[in-house]
Amino acid sequence: MSAWIKMIQDDEAGNNLKEILSFAKTPHGTVDNVMRVHSLRPSTMNGHMVLYKSVLHDDANTIPEWFQETISSYVSIINKCSYSLENHWSNASHLINDEVKSKAIKFALDNKRPEEVFEGSKLAILKYAEKLTLRPSKMDKSDIDTLKKNGVGDGEILEANQIICYFNYVNRTINGLGVTTEGDIVGYYKDD
């Protein structure tokens, strides 16, 4: 079982759902359970997919892709969402393309000590991610001022904010519906 609720398979899907399942296909040509769990309400799958692609896979983003995936992974660690962590750390590690560096980053994030491997703007973003995830009602202007003092521009602040917010949404969707990676191909990137 890959979720606690029914997920409609391709051969059972009506035309509207088939169209949205096609839109939700990964580069592997499959639909991951994180999207398929919306199959009873195709409009939420469509909305989720649009949000996902705009937050993480938009060519206009200026935060490096490996760091976008690192932010995603850190939020997923904080939220104890193994599904997102497995997928997005696979992506981050692939993009970092340095096994030693990747292991050091993962160890630091697992232990919630990003300062062991990051400094400056990247550390400021990860600290912002932690506070926004754990204490959203405590956010204030000084949190943005800290990012700016560390060289993070307004556009990158918005990008980071949206990655963090998206992963808080998706982690809660996954954890709340018992979604697993059973049957999924883990990671976004195809092996060449």
N, C-alpha and C. Protein backbone atom coordinates (compact mmCIF):
# COMPACT_ATOMS: atom_id res chain seq x y z
N MET A 1 0.85 -1.19 0.00
CA MET A 1 0.00 0.00 0.00
C MET A 1 0.89 1.24 0.00
N SER A 2 0.66 2.14 -0.91
CA SER A 2 1.51 3.31 -1.02
C SER A 2 0.87 4.59 -0.49
N ALA A 3 -0.33 4.50 0.08
CA ALA A 3 -0.98 5.62 0.77
C ALA A 3 -2.15 5.04 1.57
N TRP A 4 -2.65 5.82 2.49
CA TRP A 4 -3.76 5.38 3.33
C TRP A 4 -5.11 5.62 2.67
N ILE A 5 -5.13 6.31 1.53
CA ILE A 5 -6.38 6.50 0.80
C ILE A 5 -6.24 5.90 -0.60
N LYS A 6 -7.37 5.70 -1.25
CA LYS A 6 -7.38 5.13 -2.61
C LYS A 6 -6.66 6.06 -3.57
N MET A 7 -5.87 5.46 -4.44
CA MET A 7 -5.24 6.19 -5.54
C MET A 7 -5.66 5.52 -6.83
N ILE A 8 -6.18 6.30 -7.75
CA ILE A 8 -6.67 5.77 -9.02
C ILE A 8 -5.50 5.51 -9.95
N GLN A 9 -5.48 4.32 -10.51
CA GLN A 9 -4.42 3.93 -11.45
C GLN A 9 -4.79 4.39 -12.86
N ASP A 10 -3.81 4.45 -13.74
CA ASP A 10 -4.01 4.96 -15.10
C ASP A 10 -5.15 4.25 -15.83
N ASP A 11 -5.23 2.94 -15.69
CA ASP A 11 -6.25 2.19 -16.44
C ASP A 11 -7.66 2.41 -15.90
N GLU A 12 -7.81 3.04 -14.73
CA GLU A 12 -9.12 3.34 -14.15
C GLU A 12 -9.50 4.82 -14.34
N ALA A 13 -8.58 5.62 -14.85
CA ALA A 13 -8.76 7.07 -14.89
C ALA A 13 -9.67 7.51 -16.03
N GLY A 14 -10.50 8.52 -15.72
CA GLY A 14 -11.30 9.17 -16.75
C GLY A 14 -10.43 10.13 -17.55
N ASN A 15 -11.00 10.74 -18.56
CA ASN A 15 -10.23 11.61 -19.47
C ASN A 15 -9.57 12.78 -18.76
N ASN A 16 -10.29 13.46 -17.86
CA ASN A 16 -9.73 14.61 -17.15
C ASN A 16 -8.52 14.18 -16.32
N LEU A 17 -8.68 13.09 -15.57
CA LEU A 17 -7.58 12.61 -14.74
C LEU A 17 -6.41 12.15 -15.62
N LYS A 18 -6.70 11.47 -16.72
CA LYS A 18 -5.62 11.02 -17.62
C LYS A 18 -4.78 12.21 -18.10
N GLU A 19 -5.45 13.31 -18.43
CA GLU A 19 -4.74 14.50 -18.90
C GLU A 19 -3.83 15.06 -17.80
N ILE A 20 -4.34 15.10 -16.59
CA ILE A 20 -3.54 15.65 -15.49
C ILE A 20 -2.43 14.67 -15.09
N LEU A 21 -2.69 13.37 -15.14
CA LEU A 21 -1.63 12.39 -14.88
C LEU A 21 -0.51 12.54 -15.89
N SER A 22 -0.85 12.83 -17.13
CA SER A 22 0.16 13.05 -18.16
C SER A 22 1.02 14.27 -17.82
N PHE A 23 0.38 15.34 -17.34
CA PHE A 23 1.08 16.55 -16.92
C PHE A 23 2.00 16.27 -15.73
N ALA A 24 1.60 15.35 -14.86
CA ALA A 24 2.33 15.07 -13.63
C ALA A 24 3.46 14.05 -13.80
N LYS A 25 3.68 13.58 -15.01
CA LYS A 25 4.73 12.58 -15.22
C LYS A 25 6.12 13.15 -14.94
N THR A 26 6.94 12.32 -14.32
CA THR A 26 8.33 12.67 -14.03
C THR A 26 9.17 12.49 -15.29
N PRO A 27 10.43 12.92 -15.26
CA PRO A 27 11.31 12.65 -16.40
C PRO A 27 11.47 11.15 -16.67
N HIS A 28 11.12 10.31 -15.69
CA HIS A 28 11.19 8.85 -15.86
C HIS A 28 9.98 8.32 -16.61
N GLY A 29 8.95 9.18 -16.79
CA GLY A 29 7.74 8.76 -17.47
C GLY A 29 6.70 8.15 -16.55
N THR A 30 6.88 8.30 -15.24
CA THR A 30 5.95 7.75 -14.26
C THR A 30 5.29 8.89 -13.48
N VAL A 31 4.26 8.56 -12.71
CA VAL A 31 3.63 9.52 -11.81
C VAL A 31 3.93 9.07 -10.39
N ASP A 32 4.64 9.93 -9.67
CA ASP A 32 4.99 9.59 -8.29
C ASP A 32 3.76 9.61 -7.39
N ASN A 33 3.85 8.84 -6.31
CA ASN A 33 2.73 8.74 -5.37
C ASN A 33 2.35 10.08 -4.75
N VAL A 34 3.30 10.98 -4.59
CA VAL A 34 3.01 12.30 -4.03
C VAL A 34 1.99 13.04 -4.90
N MET A 35 1.99 12.78 -6.19
CA MET A 35 1.00 13.37 -7.09
C MET A 35 -0.23 12.46 -7.22
N ARG A 36 0.00 11.17 -7.36
CA ARG A 36 -1.11 10.24 -7.56
C ARG A 36 -2.07 10.25 -6.37
N VAL A 37 -1.59 10.60 -5.19
CA VAL A 37 -2.47 10.62 -4.02
C VAL A 37 -3.61 11.64 -4.20
N HIS A 38 -3.45 12.57 -5.13
CA HIS A 38 -4.49 13.55 -5.45
C HIS A 38 -5.51 13.02 -6.46
N SER A 39 -5.38 11.78 -6.91
CA SER A 39 -6.17 11.31 -8.05
C SER A 39 -7.67 11.35 -7.84
N LEU A 40 -8.13 11.32 -6.61
CA LEU A 40 -9.56 11.43 -6.35
C LEU A 40 -10.07 12.86 -6.57
N ARG A 41 -9.16 13.82 -6.58
CA ARG A 41 -9.48 15.22 -6.83
C ARG A 41 -8.44 15.79 -7.79
N PRO A 42 -8.59 15.53 -9.10
CA PRO A 42 -7.58 15.92 -10.08
C PRO A 42 -7.19 17.40 -10.05
N SER A 43 -8.13 18.26 -9.66
CA SER A 43 -7.78 19.69 -9.65
C SER A 43 -6.68 19.98 -8.62
N THR A 44 -6.66 19.25 -7.50
CA THR A 44 -5.58 19.49 -6.54
C THR A 44 -4.25 18.93 -7.05
N MET A 45 -4.31 17.84 -7.83
CA MET A 45 -3.08 17.33 -8.45
C MET A 45 -2.52 18.36 -9.42
N ASN A 46 -3.39 18.94 -10.22
CA ASN A 46 -2.96 19.95 -11.18
C ASN A 46 -2.34 21.15 -10.45
N GLY A 47 -3.03 21.64 -9.43
CA GLY A 47 -2.50 22.76 -8.66
C GLY A 47 -1.18 22.45 -8.00
N HIS A 48 -1.08 21.25 -7.45
CA HIS A 48 0.17 20.82 -6.80
C HIS A 48 1.31 20.80 -7.82
N MET A 49 1.03 20.26 -8.99
CA MET A 49 2.08 20.15 -10.01
C MET A 49 2.54 21.52 -10.49
N VAL A 50 1.61 22.43 -10.70
CA VAL A 50 1.96 23.79 -11.12
C VAL A 50 2.84 24.45 -10.06
N LEU A 51 2.44 24.32 -8.80
CA LEU A 51 3.22 24.90 -7.71
C LEU A 51 4.61 24.28 -7.64
N TYR A 52 4.68 22.96 -7.68
CA TYR A 52 5.97 22.26 -7.62
C TYR A 52 6.92 22.74 -8.71
N LYS A 53 6.44 22.77 -9.94
CA LYS A 53 7.31 23.17 -11.06
C LYS A 53 7.73 24.63 -10.95
N SER A 54 6.88 25.50 -10.43
CA SER A 54 7.23 26.91 -10.32
C SER A 54 8.21 27.15 -9.17
N VAL A 55 8.13 26.33 -8.15
CA VAL A 55 9.00 26.51 -6.98
C VAL A 55 10.38 25.90 -7.22
N LEU A 56 10.44 24.71 -7.78
CA LEU A 56 11.73 24.00 -7.88
C LEU A 56 12.32 23.90 -9.28
N HIS A 57 11.54 23.90 -10.28
CA HIS A 57 12.09 23.64 -11.61
C HIS A 57 11.79 24.76 -12.59
N ASP A 58 11.95 25.98 -12.11
CA ASP A 58 11.71 27.15 -12.96
C ASP A 58 13.06 27.73 -13.37
N ASP A 59 13.25 27.91 -14.65
CA ASP A 59 14.53 28.42 -15.16
C ASP A 59 14.84 29.83 -14.66
N ALA A 60 13.83 30.57 -14.20
CA ALA A 60 14.05 31.93 -13.71
C ALA A 60 14.63 31.96 -12.29
N ASN A 61 14.59 30.84 -11.58
CA ASN A 61 15.14 30.81 -10.22
C ASN A 61 16.64 31.10 -10.26
N THR A 62 17.12 31.82 -9.25
CA THR A 62 18.54 32.16 -9.19
C THR A 62 19.30 31.40 -8.11
N ILE A 63 18.59 30.82 -7.15
CA ILE A 63 19.26 29.96 -6.17
C ILE A 63 19.71 28.71 -6.92
N PRO A 64 20.97 28.31 -6.78
CA PRO A 64 21.45 27.12 -7.49
C PRO A 64 20.56 25.90 -7.20
N GLU A 65 20.34 25.09 -8.24
CA GLU A 65 19.45 23.94 -8.09
C GLU A 65 19.86 23.03 -6.94
N TRP A 66 21.16 22.78 -6.78
CA TRP A 66 21.61 21.89 -5.70
C TRP A 66 21.21 22.45 -4.35
N PHE A 67 21.24 23.79 -4.22
CA PHE A 67 20.89 24.39 -2.93
C PHE A 67 19.37 24.45 -2.75
N GLN A 68 18.62 24.60 -3.85
CA GLN A 68 17.16 24.50 -3.75
C GLN A 68 16.79 23.13 -3.17
N GLU A 69 17.45 22.09 -3.69
CA GLU A 69 17.17 20.72 -3.22
C GLU A 69 17.67 20.51 -1.79
N THR A 70 18.74 21.21 -1.41
CA THR A 70 19.24 21.13 -0.04
C THR A 70 18.26 21.78 0.93
N ILE A 71 17.73 22.94 0.56
CA ILE A 71 16.70 23.59 1.39
C ILE A 71 15.50 22.63 1.54
N SER A 72 15.08 22.04 0.43
CA SER A 72 13.96 21.10 0.44
C SER A 72 14.22 19.95 1.40
N SER A 73 15.42 19.44 1.34
CA SER A 73 15.80 18.31 2.20
C SER A 73 15.82 18.71 3.66
N TYR A 74 16.32 19.90 3.96
CA TYR A 74 16.38 20.35 5.35
C TYR A 74 14.98 20.51 5.93
N VAL A 75 14.08 21.12 5.20
CA VAL A 75 12.70 21.25 5.66
C VAL A 75 12.11 19.86 5.90
N SER A 76 12.39 18.92 5.01
CA SER A 76 11.86 17.56 5.14
C SER A 76 12.46 16.83 6.33
N ILE A 77 13.73 17.10 6.64
CA ILE A 77 14.34 16.54 7.85
C ILE A 77 13.63 17.09 9.08
N ILE A 78 13.46 18.39 9.12
CA ILE A 78 12.80 19.02 10.27
C ILE A 78 11.40 18.46 10.46
N ASN A 79 10.68 18.24 9.38
CA ASN A 79 9.31 17.73 9.43
C ASN A 79 9.22 16.20 9.53
N LYS A 80 10.38 15.55 9.53
CA LYS A 80 10.42 14.08 9.58
C LYS A 80 9.58 13.46 8.45
N CYS A 81 9.79 13.97 7.25
CA CYS A 81 9.10 13.46 6.07
C CYS A 81 10.09 12.66 5.24
N SER A 82 10.11 11.36 5.46
CA SER A 82 11.10 10.52 4.80
C SER A 82 10.87 10.46 3.29
N TYR A 83 9.63 10.55 2.83
CA TYR A 83 9.34 10.52 1.39
C TYR A 83 10.04 11.66 0.68
N SER A 84 9.80 12.89 1.12
CA SER A 84 10.41 14.04 0.47
C SER A 84 11.92 14.02 0.64
N LEU A 85 12.37 13.64 1.81
CA LEU A 85 13.82 13.60 2.05
C LEU A 85 14.50 12.62 1.11
N GLU A 86 13.94 11.43 0.98
CA GLU A 86 14.55 10.43 0.10
C GLU A 86 14.65 10.94 -1.34
N ASN A 87 13.59 11.54 -1.82
CA ASN A 87 13.58 12.06 -3.19
C ASN A 87 14.49 13.28 -3.36
N HIS A 88 14.36 14.24 -2.48
CA HIS A 88 15.06 15.50 -2.70
C HIS A 88 16.51 15.46 -2.25
N TRP A 89 16.85 14.59 -1.31
CA TRP A 89 18.27 14.44 -1.03
C TRP A 89 18.95 13.69 -2.17
N SER A 90 18.25 12.74 -2.78
CA SER A 90 18.78 12.09 -3.98
C SER A 90 19.10 13.13 -5.04
N ASN A 91 18.18 14.10 -5.22
CA ASN A 91 18.39 15.17 -6.20
C ASN A 91 19.57 16.06 -5.80
N ALA A 92 19.60 16.47 -4.54
CA ALA A 92 20.69 17.34 -4.07
C ALA A 92 22.04 16.66 -4.25
N SER A 93 22.11 15.42 -3.83
CA SER A 93 23.36 14.67 -3.93
C SER A 93 23.81 14.53 -5.38
N HIS A 94 22.85 14.26 -6.26
CA HIS A 94 23.15 14.16 -7.70
C HIS A 94 23.72 15.47 -8.22
N LEU A 95 23.11 16.58 -7.82
CA LEU A 95 23.54 17.89 -8.31
C LEU A 95 24.84 18.38 -7.66
N ILE A 96 25.06 18.02 -6.39
CA ILE A 96 26.32 18.37 -5.72
C ILE A 96 27.48 17.67 -6.41
N ASN A 97 27.23 16.41 -6.79
CA ASN A 97 28.20 15.63 -7.57
C ASN A 97 29.57 15.53 -6.90
N ASP A 98 29.56 15.39 -5.57
CA ASP A 98 30.79 15.23 -4.79
C ASP A 98 30.40 14.44 -3.55
N GLU A 99 30.74 13.16 -3.53
CA GLU A 99 30.28 12.26 -2.48
C GLU A 99 30.71 12.71 -1.09
N VAL A 100 31.93 13.17 -0.95
CA VAL A 100 32.43 13.60 0.37
C VAL A 100 31.67 14.83 0.85
N LYS A 101 31.53 15.81 -0.03
CA LYS A 101 30.79 17.04 0.33
C LYS A 101 29.34 16.71 0.64
N SER A 102 28.73 15.87 -0.18
CA SER A 102 27.34 15.49 -0.01
C SER A 102 27.12 14.81 1.35
N LYS A 103 28.00 13.90 1.72
CA LYS A 103 27.88 13.21 3.01
C LYS A 103 28.04 14.18 4.17
N ALA A 104 28.95 15.12 4.06
CA ALA A 104 29.16 16.10 5.13
C ALA A 104 27.93 16.99 5.29
N ILE A 105 27.36 17.42 4.18
CA ILE A 105 26.16 18.26 4.24
C ILE A 105 25.01 17.48 4.86
N LYS A 106 24.79 16.27 4.41
CA LYS A 106 23.68 15.45 4.92
C LYS A 106 23.84 15.21 6.42
N PHE A 107 25.06 14.91 6.87
CA PHE A 107 25.31 14.69 8.30
C PHE A 107 24.96 15.94 9.10
N ALA A 108 25.41 17.09 8.63
CA ALA A 108 25.14 18.35 9.33
C ALA A 108 23.64 18.64 9.37
N LEU A 109 22.95 18.43 8.25
CA LEU A 109 21.51 18.68 8.22
C LEU A 109 20.75 17.70 9.12
N ASP A 110 21.13 16.43 9.07
CA ASP A 110 20.48 15.43 9.92
C ASP A 110 20.58 15.81 11.39
N ASN A 111 21.69 16.43 11.75
CA ASN A 111 21.93 16.82 13.14
C ASN A 111 21.51 18.25 13.44
N LYS A 112 20.85 18.88 12.45
CA LYS A 112 20.35 20.26 12.56
C LYS A 112 21.47 21.22 12.97
N ARG A 113 22.62 21.01 12.32
CA ARG A 113 23.77 21.88 12.53
C ARG A 113 24.34 22.34 11.19
N PRO A 114 23.54 23.07 10.42
CA PRO A 114 24.01 23.50 9.09
C PRO A 114 25.26 24.38 9.15
N GLU A 115 25.49 25.01 10.29
CA GLU A 115 26.67 25.87 10.44
C GLU A 115 27.98 25.08 10.34
N GLU A 116 27.92 23.77 10.44
CA GLU A 116 29.14 22.96 10.30
C GLU A 116 29.64 22.92 8.86
N VAL A 117 28.76 23.18 7.89
CA VAL A 117 29.17 23.09 6.48
C VAL A 117 28.80 24.32 5.65
N PHE A 118 28.00 25.22 6.22
CA PHE A 118 27.57 26.41 5.48
C PHE A 118 27.90 27.66 6.26
N GLU A 119 28.02 28.76 5.52
CA GLU A 119 28.19 30.07 6.13
C GLU A 119 27.50 31.09 5.23
N GLY A 120 27.51 32.33 5.65
CA GLY A 120 26.98 33.42 4.84
C GLY A 120 25.55 33.23 4.42
N SER A 121 25.26 33.51 3.15
CA SER A 121 23.90 33.51 2.65
C SER A 121 23.23 32.14 2.75
N LYS A 122 23.98 31.09 2.47
CA LYS A 122 23.38 29.74 2.51
C LYS A 122 23.00 29.36 3.94
N LEU A 123 23.87 29.67 4.90
CA LEU A 123 23.54 29.39 6.29
C LEU A 123 22.34 30.23 6.73
N ALA A 124 22.31 31.48 6.35
CA ALA A 124 21.19 32.35 6.72
C ALA A 124 19.87 31.80 6.17
N ILE A 125 19.89 31.31 4.95
CA ILE A 125 18.67 30.74 4.35
C ILE A 125 18.24 29.49 5.12
N LEU A 126 19.18 28.63 5.48
CA LEU A 126 18.82 27.41 6.21
C LEU A 126 18.29 27.72 7.60
N LYS A 127 18.85 28.74 8.25
CA LYS A 127 18.34 29.16 9.57
C LYS A 127 16.92 29.73 9.42
N TYR A 128 16.71 30.50 8.37
CA TYR A 128 15.38 31.04 8.07
C TYR A 128 14.41 29.88 7.83
N ALA A 129 14.84 28.87 7.09
CA ALA A 129 14.00 27.69 6.81
C ALA A 129 13.59 27.00 8.11
N GLU A 130 14.54 26.85 9.00
CA GLU A 130 14.27 26.18 10.27
C GLU A 130 13.24 26.96 11.09
N LYS A 131 13.44 28.27 11.21
CA LYS A 131 12.51 29.07 12.01
C LYS A 131 11.13 29.11 11.37
N LEU A 132 11.06 29.31 10.05
CA LEU A 132 9.76 29.38 9.38
C LEU A 132 9.01 28.05 9.48
N THR A 133 9.73 26.95 9.49
CA THR A 133 9.12 25.63 9.61
C THR A 133 8.64 25.34 11.02
N LEU A 134 9.47 25.66 12.00
CA LEU A 134 9.15 25.31 13.38
C LEU A 134 8.37 26.37 14.15
N ARG A 135 8.60 27.65 13.82
CA ARG A 135 8.01 28.73 14.60
C ARG A 135 7.45 29.84 13.68
N PRO A 136 6.54 29.50 12.79
CA PRO A 136 6.08 30.49 11.81
C PRO A 136 5.47 31.74 12.45
N SER A 137 4.84 31.61 13.59
CA SER A 137 4.22 32.78 14.22
C SER A 137 5.25 33.72 14.85
N LYS A 138 6.48 33.29 14.94
CA LYS A 138 7.55 34.11 15.53
C LYS A 138 8.35 34.87 14.47
N MET A 139 7.99 34.71 13.20
CA MET A 139 8.71 35.41 12.14
C MET A 139 8.45 36.91 12.25
N ASP A 140 9.51 37.69 11.99
CA ASP A 140 9.34 39.15 11.95
C ASP A 140 10.34 39.74 10.96
N LYS A 141 10.29 41.04 10.78
CA LYS A 141 11.12 41.71 9.79
C LYS A 141 12.62 41.45 10.01
N SER A 142 13.02 41.26 11.24
CA SER A 142 14.45 41.02 11.50
C SER A 142 14.95 39.75 10.81
N ASP A 143 14.06 38.79 10.58
CA ASP A 143 14.47 37.56 9.88
C ASP A 143 14.85 37.87 8.43
N ILE A 144 14.10 38.77 7.80
CA ILE A 144 14.41 39.20 6.43
C ILE A 144 15.66 40.08 6.44
N ASP A 145 15.78 40.95 7.44
CA ASP A 145 16.96 41.81 7.56
C ASP A 145 18.23 40.98 7.68
N THR A 146 18.16 39.87 8.42
CA THR A 146 19.32 38.97 8.57
C THR A 146 19.70 38.37 7.23
N LEU A 147 18.71 37.95 6.45
CA LEU A 147 19.00 37.41 5.12
C LEU A 147 19.69 38.47 4.26
N LYS A 148 19.15 39.68 4.27
CA LYS A 148 19.73 40.76 3.46
C LYS A 148 21.14 41.10 3.89
N LYS A 149 21.40 41.11 5.20
CA LYS A 149 22.76 41.39 5.72
C LYS A 149 23.75 40.32 5.26
N ASN A 150 23.23 39.14 4.96
CA ASN A 150 24.08 38.04 4.49
C ASN A 150 24.11 37.94 2.97
N GLY A 151 23.63 38.99 2.29
CA GLY A 151 23.76 39.05 0.84
C GLY A 151 22.66 38.38 0.05
N VAL A 152 21.54 38.06 0.69
CA VAL A 152 20.43 37.43 -0.02
C VAL A 152 19.50 38.54 -0.51
N GLY A 153 19.33 38.62 -1.83
CA GLY A 153 18.47 39.64 -2.42
C GLY A 153 17.00 39.28 -2.30
N ASP A 154 16.15 40.27 -2.55
CA ASP A 154 14.71 40.07 -2.40
C ASP A 154 14.17 38.92 -3.25
N GLY A 155 14.64 38.79 -4.49
CA GLY A 155 14.17 37.70 -5.35
C GLY A 155 14.54 36.34 -4.78
N GLU A 156 15.77 36.22 -4.28
CA GLU A 156 16.19 34.95 -3.68
C GLU A 156 15.46 34.69 -2.36
N ILE A 157 15.15 35.76 -1.62
CA ILE A 157 14.36 35.58 -0.40
C ILE A 157 13.00 34.98 -0.75
N LEU A 158 12.38 35.53 -1.79
CA LEU A 158 11.08 34.99 -2.22
C LEU A 158 11.22 33.54 -2.67
N GLU A 159 12.25 33.24 -3.47
CA GLU A 159 12.46 31.85 -3.91
C GLU A 159 12.60 30.92 -2.71
N ALA A 160 13.47 31.28 -1.76
CA ALA A 160 13.69 30.44 -0.58
C ALA A 160 12.39 30.28 0.21
N ASN A 161 11.68 31.39 0.41
CA ASN A 161 10.42 31.34 1.13
C ASN A 161 9.45 30.37 0.47
N GLN A 162 9.34 30.41 -0.84
CA GLN A 162 8.40 29.54 -1.54
C GLN A 162 8.82 28.08 -1.48
N ILE A 163 10.12 27.80 -1.55
CA ILE A 163 10.60 26.42 -1.39
C ILE A 163 10.23 25.91 0.00
N ILE A 164 10.51 26.71 1.01
CA ILE A 164 10.23 26.33 2.39
C ILE A 164 8.73 26.10 2.59
N CYS A 165 7.94 27.04 2.13
CA CYS A 165 6.48 26.91 2.29
C CYS A 165 5.93 25.72 1.52
N TYR A 166 6.41 25.52 0.29
CA TYR A 166 5.96 24.37 -0.49
C TYR A 166 6.27 23.07 0.25
N PHE A 167 7.48 22.95 0.78
CA PHE A 167 7.82 21.68 1.43
C PHE A 167 7.09 21.49 2.75
N ASN A 168 6.73 22.56 3.43
CA ASN A 168 5.87 22.39 4.60
C ASN A 168 4.50 21.87 4.17
N TYR A 169 3.99 22.38 3.06
CA TYR A 169 2.71 21.89 2.51
C TYR A 169 2.82 20.41 2.10
N VAL A 170 3.81 20.11 1.28
CA VAL A 170 3.88 18.76 0.74
C VAL A 170 4.25 17.74 1.82
N ASN A 171 5.11 18.12 2.77
CA ASN A 171 5.45 17.20 3.86
C ASN A 171 4.20 16.83 4.66
N ARG A 172 3.33 17.81 4.88
CA ARG A 172 2.10 17.54 5.62
C ARG A 172 1.11 16.72 4.80
N THR A 173 1.07 16.93 3.50
CA THR A 173 0.24 16.10 2.62
C THR A 173 0.70 14.65 2.70
N ILE A 174 1.99 14.45 2.53
CA ILE A 174 2.56 13.09 2.52
C ILE A 174 2.39 12.41 3.88
N ASN A 175 2.81 13.09 4.95
CA ASN A 175 2.71 12.48 6.28
C ASN A 175 1.26 12.26 6.69
N GLY A 176 0.37 13.19 6.31
CA GLY A 176 -1.03 13.10 6.70
C GLY A 176 -1.82 12.04 5.96
N LEU A 177 -1.32 11.62 4.78
CA LEU A 177 -2.02 10.60 3.99
C LEU A 177 -1.24 9.29 3.88
N GLY A 178 -0.12 9.21 4.61
CA GLY A 178 0.65 7.96 4.63
C GLY A 178 1.26 7.58 3.30
N VAL A 179 1.68 8.57 2.52
CA VAL A 179 2.23 8.31 1.20
C VAL A 179 3.65 7.74 1.33
N THR A 180 3.91 6.65 0.60
CA THR A 180 5.24 6.04 0.60
C THR A 180 5.82 6.06 -0.82
N THR A 181 7.08 5.73 -0.91
CA THR A 181 7.75 5.66 -2.21
C THR A 181 7.55 4.31 -2.90
N GLU A 182 6.75 3.44 -2.31
CA GLU A 182 6.51 2.12 -2.90
C GLU A 182 6.04 2.26 -4.35
N GLY A 183 6.81 1.72 -5.28
CA GLY A 183 6.48 1.78 -6.70
C GLY A 183 7.03 3.01 -7.42
N ASP A 184 7.53 3.99 -6.67
CA ASP A 184 8.11 5.19 -7.28
C ASP A 184 9.54 4.94 -7.73
N ILE A 185 10.00 5.74 -8.66
CA ILE A 185 11.42 5.82 -8.97
C ILE A 185 11.92 7.04 -8.21
N VAL A 186 12.79 6.83 -7.24
CA VAL A 186 13.22 7.91 -6.35
C VAL A 186 14.13 8.88 -7.08
N GLY A 187 13.87 10.17 -6.90
CA GLY A 187 14.68 11.23 -7.50
C GLY A 187 14.11 11.71 -8.82
N TYR A 188 14.39 12.96 -9.12
CA TYR A 188 13.86 13.61 -10.30
C TYR A 188 14.71 13.35 -11.54
N TYR A 189 16.00 13.19 -11.33
CA TYR A 189 16.92 13.13 -12.46
C TYR A 189 17.11 11.70 -12.95
N LYS A 190 17.06 11.55 -14.29
CA LYS A 190 17.28 10.25 -14.91
C LYS A 190 18.77 9.97 -14.96
N ASP A 191 19.13 8.73 -14.80
CA ASP A 191 20.52 8.34 -14.98
C ASP A 191 20.86 8.42 -16.46
N ASP A 192 22.01 9.00 -16.77
CA ASP A 192 22.42 9.12 -18.17
C ASP A 192 23.14 7.88 -18.64
